[in-house]
C-alpha atoms as a PDB file:
ATOM      1  CA  GLY A   1     -40.237 -33.025 -10.685  1.00  0.00           C
ATOM      2  CA  TYR A   2     -37.199 -32.188 -12.745  1.00  0.00           C
ATOM      3  CA  SER A   3     -34.152 -33.984 -14.075  1.00  0.00           C
ATOM      4  CA  ARG A   4     -31.608 -31.184 -13.484  1.00  0.00           C
ATOM      5  CA  LEU A   5     -31.344 -28.222 -11.154  1.00  0.00           C
ATOM      6  CA  VAL A   6     -29.369 -25.073 -11.856  1.00  0.00           C
ATOM      7  CA  LEU A   7     -28.623 -22.721  -8.982  1.00  0.00           C
ATOM      8  CA  ALA A   8     -28.115 -19.361 -10.701  1.00  0.00           C
ATOM      9  CA  THR A   9     -27.445 -17.288  -7.604  1.00  0.00           C
ATOM     10  CA  GLY A  10     -25.123 -14.772  -9.233  1.00  0.00           C
ATOM     11  CA  ALA A  11     -21.861 -13.384  -7.995  1.00  0.00           C
ATOM     12  CA  ASP A  12     -20.504 -10.515  -5.937  1.00  0.00           C
ATOM     13  CA  PRO A  13     -17.523  -8.318  -6.823  1.00  0.00           C
ATOM     14  CA  ARG A  14     -14.269  -9.325  -5.189  1.00  0.00           C
ATOM     15  CA  ARG A  15     -13.045  -6.698  -2.742  1.00  0.00           C
ATOM     16  CA  LEU A  16      -9.455  -5.669  -2.221  1.00  0.00           C
ATOM     17  CA  ARG A  17      -8.199  -5.095   1.298  1.00  0.00           C
ATOM     18  CA  LEU A  18      -7.000  -1.528   1.079  1.00  0.00           C
ATOM     19  CA  GLU A  19      -5.926   1.032   3.636  1.00  0.00           C
ATOM     20  CA  GLY A  20      -6.886   4.694   3.585  1.00  0.00           C
ATOM     21  CA  ASP A  21      -9.949   6.872   3.985  1.00  0.00           C
ATOM     22  CA  GLY A  22     -10.851   6.520   0.292  1.00  0.00           C
ATOM     23  CA  ALA A  23     -10.810   2.713   0.169  1.00  0.00           C
ATOM     24  CA  ALA A  24     -14.552   2.418   0.831  1.00  0.00           C
ATOM     25  CA  ASP A  25     -15.290   4.718  -2.128  1.00  0.00           C
ATOM     26  CA  VAL A  26     -13.928   2.275  -4.727  1.00  0.00           C
ATOM     27  CA  LEU A  27     -16.738   1.391  -7.129  1.00  0.00           C
ATOM     28  CA  SER A  28     -17.505  -2.075  -8.452  1.00  0.00           C
ATOM     29  CA  ILE A  29     -20.035  -2.515 -11.223  1.00  0.00           C
ATOM     30  CA  ASN A  30     -22.058  -5.706 -11.012  1.00  0.00           C
ATOM     31  CA  ASP A  31     -25.673  -4.655 -11.579  1.00  0.00           C
ATOM     32  CA  LEU A  32     -27.800  -1.788 -12.887  1.00  0.00           C
ATOM     33  CA  ASP A  33     -27.749   0.102  -9.585  1.00  0.00           C
ATOM     34  CA  ASP A  34     -23.942  -0.069  -9.505  1.00  0.00           C
ATOM     35  CA  TYR A  35     -23.836   1.136 -13.103  1.00  0.00           C
ATOM     36  CA  ALA A  36     -26.147   4.067 -12.310  1.00  0.00           C
ATOM     37  CA  ARG A  37     -23.840   5.124  -9.436  1.00  0.00           C
ATOM     38  CA  PHE A  38     -20.852   4.820 -11.763  1.00  0.00           C
ATOM     39  CA  ARG A  39     -22.482   6.943 -14.482  1.00  0.00           C
ATOM     40  CA  LEU A  40     -23.404   9.625 -11.936  1.00  0.00           C
ATOM     41  CA  ALA A  41     -19.845   9.650 -10.562  1.00  0.00           C
ATOM     42  CA  LEU A  42     -18.457  10.070 -14.088  1.00  0.00           C
ATOM     43  CA  THR A  43     -20.288  13.387 -14.461  1.00  0.00           C
ATOM     44  CA  ARG A  44     -17.992  14.854 -11.799  1.00  0.00           C
ATOM     45  CA  CYS A  45     -14.625  13.594 -13.011  1.00  0.00           C
ATOM     46  CA  ARG A  46     -11.976  13.764 -15.702  1.00  0.00           C
ATOM     47  CA  SER A  47      -9.762  10.840 -14.706  1.00  0.00           C
ATOM     48  CA  VAL A  48     -10.438   7.244 -13.712  1.00  0.00           C
ATOM     49  CA  ALA A  49      -8.159   4.612 -12.168  1.00  0.00           C
ATOM     50  CA  ILE A  50      -9.199   1.044 -12.939  1.00  0.00           C
ATOM     51  CA  LEU A  51      -7.896  -1.752 -10.731  1.00  0.00           C
ATOM     52  CA  GLY A  52      -7.568  -4.904 -12.811  1.00  0.00           C
ATOM     53  CA  ALA A  53      -6.518  -5.349 -16.431  1.00  0.00           C
ATOM     54  CA  GLY A  54      -8.623  -8.390 -17.195  1.00  0.00           C
ATOM     55  CA  LEU A  55     -11.366  -8.439 -19.774  1.00  0.00           C
ATOM     56  CA  ILE A  56     -13.756  -6.133 -17.895  1.00  0.00           C
ATOM     57  CA  GLY A  57     -11.055  -3.697 -16.765  1.00  0.00           C
ATOM     58  CA  CYS A  58      -9.687  -3.387 -20.308  1.00  0.00           C
ATOM     59  CA  GLU A  59     -13.168  -2.920 -21.743  1.00  0.00           C
ATOM     60  CA  PHE A  60     -13.980  -0.149 -19.267  1.00  0.00           C
ATOM     61  CA  ALA A  61     -10.576   1.454 -19.904  1.00  0.00           C
ATOM     62  CA  ASN A  62     -11.112   1.462 -23.655  1.00  0.00           C
ATOM     63  CA  ASP A  63     -14.649   2.875 -23.413  1.00  0.00           C
ATOM     64  CA  LEU A  64     -13.626   5.596 -20.962  1.00  0.00           C
ATOM     65  CA  ALA A  65     -10.565   6.629 -22.975  1.00  0.00           C
ATOM     66  CA  ALA A  66     -12.702   6.790 -26.135  1.00  0.00           C
ATOM     67  CA  ALA A  67     -15.105   9.073 -24.243  1.00  0.00           C
ATOM     68  CA  GLY A  68     -12.254  11.453 -23.394  1.00  0.00           C
ATOM     69  CA  TYR A  69     -11.389  10.447 -19.828  1.00  0.00           C
ATOM     70  CA  ALA A  70      -7.794  10.117 -18.649  1.00  0.00           C
ATOM     71  CA  VAL A  71      -7.494   6.434 -17.714  1.00  0.00           C
ATOM     72  CA  HIS A  72      -5.002   4.618 -15.494  1.00  0.00           C
ATOM     73  CA  LEU A  73      -5.203   0.824 -15.795  1.00  0.00           C
ATOM     74  CA  ILE A  74      -3.442  -0.896 -12.885  1.00  0.00           C
ATOM     75  CA  ASP A  75      -2.652  -4.598 -12.556  1.00  0.00           C
ATOM     76  CA  PRO A  76      -0.123  -6.749 -10.672  1.00  0.00           C
ATOM     77  CA  ALA A  77       0.572  -8.720 -13.859  1.00  0.00           C
ATOM     78  CA  GLN A  78       3.126  -7.521 -16.408  1.00  0.00           C
ATOM     79  CA  THR A  79       0.655  -7.525 -19.298  1.00  0.00           C
ATOM     80  CA  PRO A  80      -3.072  -6.882 -19.643  1.00  0.00           C
ATOM     81  CA  LEU A  81      -5.339  -9.892 -20.113  1.00  0.00           C
ATOM     82  CA  ASN A  82      -2.526 -12.061 -18.769  1.00  0.00           C
ATOM     83  CA  ARG A  83      -4.852 -15.010 -18.111  1.00  0.00           C
ATOM     84  CA  LEU A  84      -6.158 -14.892 -21.667  1.00  0.00           C
ATOM     85  CA  LEU A  85      -3.196 -13.875 -23.829  1.00  0.00           C
ATOM     86  CA  PRO A  86       0.359 -15.159 -24.185  1.00  0.00           C
ATOM     87  CA  GLU A  87       2.906 -12.664 -22.866  1.00  0.00           C
ATOM     88  CA  GLN A  88       4.085 -11.484 -26.297  1.00  0.00           C
ATOM     89  CA  ILE A  89       0.526 -10.770 -27.430  1.00  0.00           C
ATOM     90  CA  GLY A  90      -0.155  -9.079 -24.073  1.00  0.00           C
ATOM     91  CA  GLU A  91       2.794  -6.755 -24.702  1.00  0.00           C
ATOM     92  CA  ILE A  92       1.371  -5.828 -28.113  1.00  0.00           C
ATOM     93  CA  PHE A  93      -2.023  -5.245 -26.522  1.00  0.00           C
ATOM     94  CA  ALA A  94      -0.440  -3.044 -23.826  1.00  0.00           C
ATOM     95  CA  ARG A  95       1.093  -0.877 -26.555  1.00  0.00           C
ATOM     96  CA  ALA A  96      -2.290  -0.652 -28.278  1.00  0.00           C
ATOM     97  CA  LEU A  97      -3.870   0.500 -25.003  1.00  0.00           C
ATOM     98  CA  GLY A  98      -1.173   3.155 -24.704  1.00  0.00           C
ATOM     99  CA  ASN A  99      -1.775   4.285 -28.288  1.00  0.00           C
ATOM    100  CA  GLY A 100      -5.430   4.665 -27.300  1.00  0.00           C
ATOM    101  CA  GLY A 101      -4.518   7.027 -24.472  1.00  0.00           C
ATOM    102  CA  ILE A 102      -4.649   4.524 -21.612  1.00  0.00           C
ATOM    103  CA  ARG A 103      -1.782   4.600 -19.111  1.00  0.00           C
ATOM    104  CA  PHE A 104      -1.093   0.986 -18.189  1.00  0.00           C
ATOM    105  CA  HIS A 105       0.715   0.430 -14.886  1.00  0.00           C
ATOM    106  CA  PRO A 106       1.974  -3.183 -14.950  1.00  0.00           C
ATOM    107  CA  GLY A 107       3.319  -5.059 -11.970  1.00  0.00           C
ATOM    108  CA  ARG A 108       1.675  -2.757  -9.448  1.00  0.00           C
ATOM    109  CA  SER A 109      -0.803  -3.378  -6.662  1.00  0.00           C
ATOM    110  CA  VAL A 110      -2.569  -0.580  -4.840  1.00  0.00           C
ATOM    111  CA  ASN A 111      -2.248  -0.824  -1.073  1.00  0.00           C
ATOM    112  CA  ARG A 112      -3.777   2.495  -0.018  1.00  0.00           C
ATOM    113  CA  ILE A 113      -6.354   4.966  -1.326  1.00  0.00           C
ATOM    114  CA  ASP A 114      -6.687   8.353   0.333  1.00  0.00           C
ATOM    115  CA  ARG A 115      -9.147  11.162  -0.345  1.00  0.00           C
ATOM    116  CA  SER A 116      -7.583  14.388  -1.532  1.00  0.00           C
ATOM    117  CA  SER A 117      -9.978  17.377  -1.757  1.00  0.00           C
ATOM    118  CA  ASP A 118     -11.906  16.290  -4.880  1.00  0.00           C
ATOM    119  CA  SER A 119      -9.883  13.257  -5.984  1.00  0.00           C
ATOM    120  CA  TYR A 120      -8.109  10.140  -4.726  1.00  0.00           C
ATOM    121  CA  ARG A 121      -4.444   9.271  -4.290  1.00  0.00           C
ATOM    122  CA  LEU A 122      -3.567   5.648  -4.946  1.00  0.00           C
ATOM    123  CA  SER A 123      -0.398   4.480  -3.231  1.00  0.00           C
ATOM    124  CA  PHE A 124       1.744   1.429  -3.931  1.00  0.00           C
ATOM    125  CA  SER A 125       4.455  -0.352  -1.972  1.00  0.00           C
ATOM    126  CA  GLU A 126       6.933   1.006  -4.531  1.00  0.00           C
ATOM    127  CA  GLY A 127       6.875   3.851  -6.997  1.00  0.00           C
ATOM    128  CA  GLU A 128       5.063   7.125  -7.374  1.00  0.00           C
ATOM    129  CA  PRO A 129       1.397   7.414  -6.367  1.00  0.00           C
ATOM    130  CA  ILE A 130      -1.359   8.039  -8.912  1.00  0.00           C
ATOM    131  CA  ASP A 131      -4.120  10.611  -8.579  1.00  0.00           C
ATOM    132  CA  ALA A 132      -7.580  10.033 -10.072  1.00  0.00           C
ATOM    133  CA  ASP A 133     -11.050  11.499  -9.671  1.00  0.00           C
ATOM    134  CA  LEU A 134     -12.709   8.069  -9.547  1.00  0.00           C
ATOM    135  CA  VAL A 135     -11.510   4.546  -8.725  1.00  0.00           C
ATOM    136  CA  VAL A 136     -13.166   1.432 -10.183  1.00  0.00           C
ATOM    137  CA  SER A 137     -12.379  -2.128  -9.183  1.00  0.00           C
ATOM    138  CA  ALA A 138     -12.556  -4.750 -11.934  1.00  0.00           C
ATOM    139  CA  ILE A 139     -10.696  -7.582 -10.237  1.00  0.00           C
ATOM    140  CA  GLY A 140     -13.315 -10.266 -10.701  1.00  0.00           C
ATOM    141  CA  LEU A 141     -16.327 -11.861  -9.133  1.00  0.00           C
ATOM    142  CA  ALA A 142     -16.883 -14.414  -6.380  1.00  0.00           C
ATOM    143  CA  PRO A 143     -19.828 -16.788  -6.801  1.00  0.00           C
ATOM    144  CA  ARG A 144     -22.628 -16.552  -4.249  1.00  0.00           C
ATOM    145  CA  THR A 145     -22.472 -20.014  -2.709  1.00  0.00           C
ATOM    146  CA  SER A 146     -24.364 -19.604   0.579  1.00  0.00           C
ATOM    147  CA  LEU A 147     -27.595 -21.198  -0.741  1.00  0.00           C
ATOM    148  CA  ALA A 148     -25.751 -24.217  -2.110  1.00  0.00           C
ATOM    149  CA  ALA A 149     -23.716 -24.558   1.090  1.00  0.00           C
ATOM    150  CA  ALA A 150     -26.853 -24.433   3.222  1.00  0.00           C
ATOM    151  CA  ALA A 151     -28.722 -27.030   1.094  1.00  0.00           C
END
C-alpha cells in the first residue's frame, strides 16, 4: 500500500504546424538521444535558428553564441522570457542578447521551413526570410497524460 501516488510520465516537445519540405527536420531536445542528434548536427553547421525565446530557447541561444555559432532567436512575443519578465526587463534582456551576438526576432512566427541545398529558409507571414543551417524548436513541452487518462 501507499498513501500517495505520483505519475511521473514525462513530457513530449510541443510541435509547430509548419509548411515546407524542411519542417520535419526541426529538432527538439527532450532526452539524451535528441541531444546526441543535436550535437551531431552542430558539427555540420555555422548558424542556428531557435524557435522560442523562453527559458530553454534563451539558454540554448546563449550557449551557442558563446561557442561561436550565428544564432537567430525567434519568438511571437515582443521580448524574450515574456512569461517570466516584465516588459521593461525583457527589453533590457533583449539588448543583452544582442550584445552577446544573438539576433532576436521579436513578434515573428515561422509558418514555413524549406530546404535550400545545405541549409534551411524560414519564412514568415510578413518580413524577410531567415536562412540557417539548423533549426531547433524550444517552444515548450506537453505532459504525457495517456496513462492517467486511461486509469
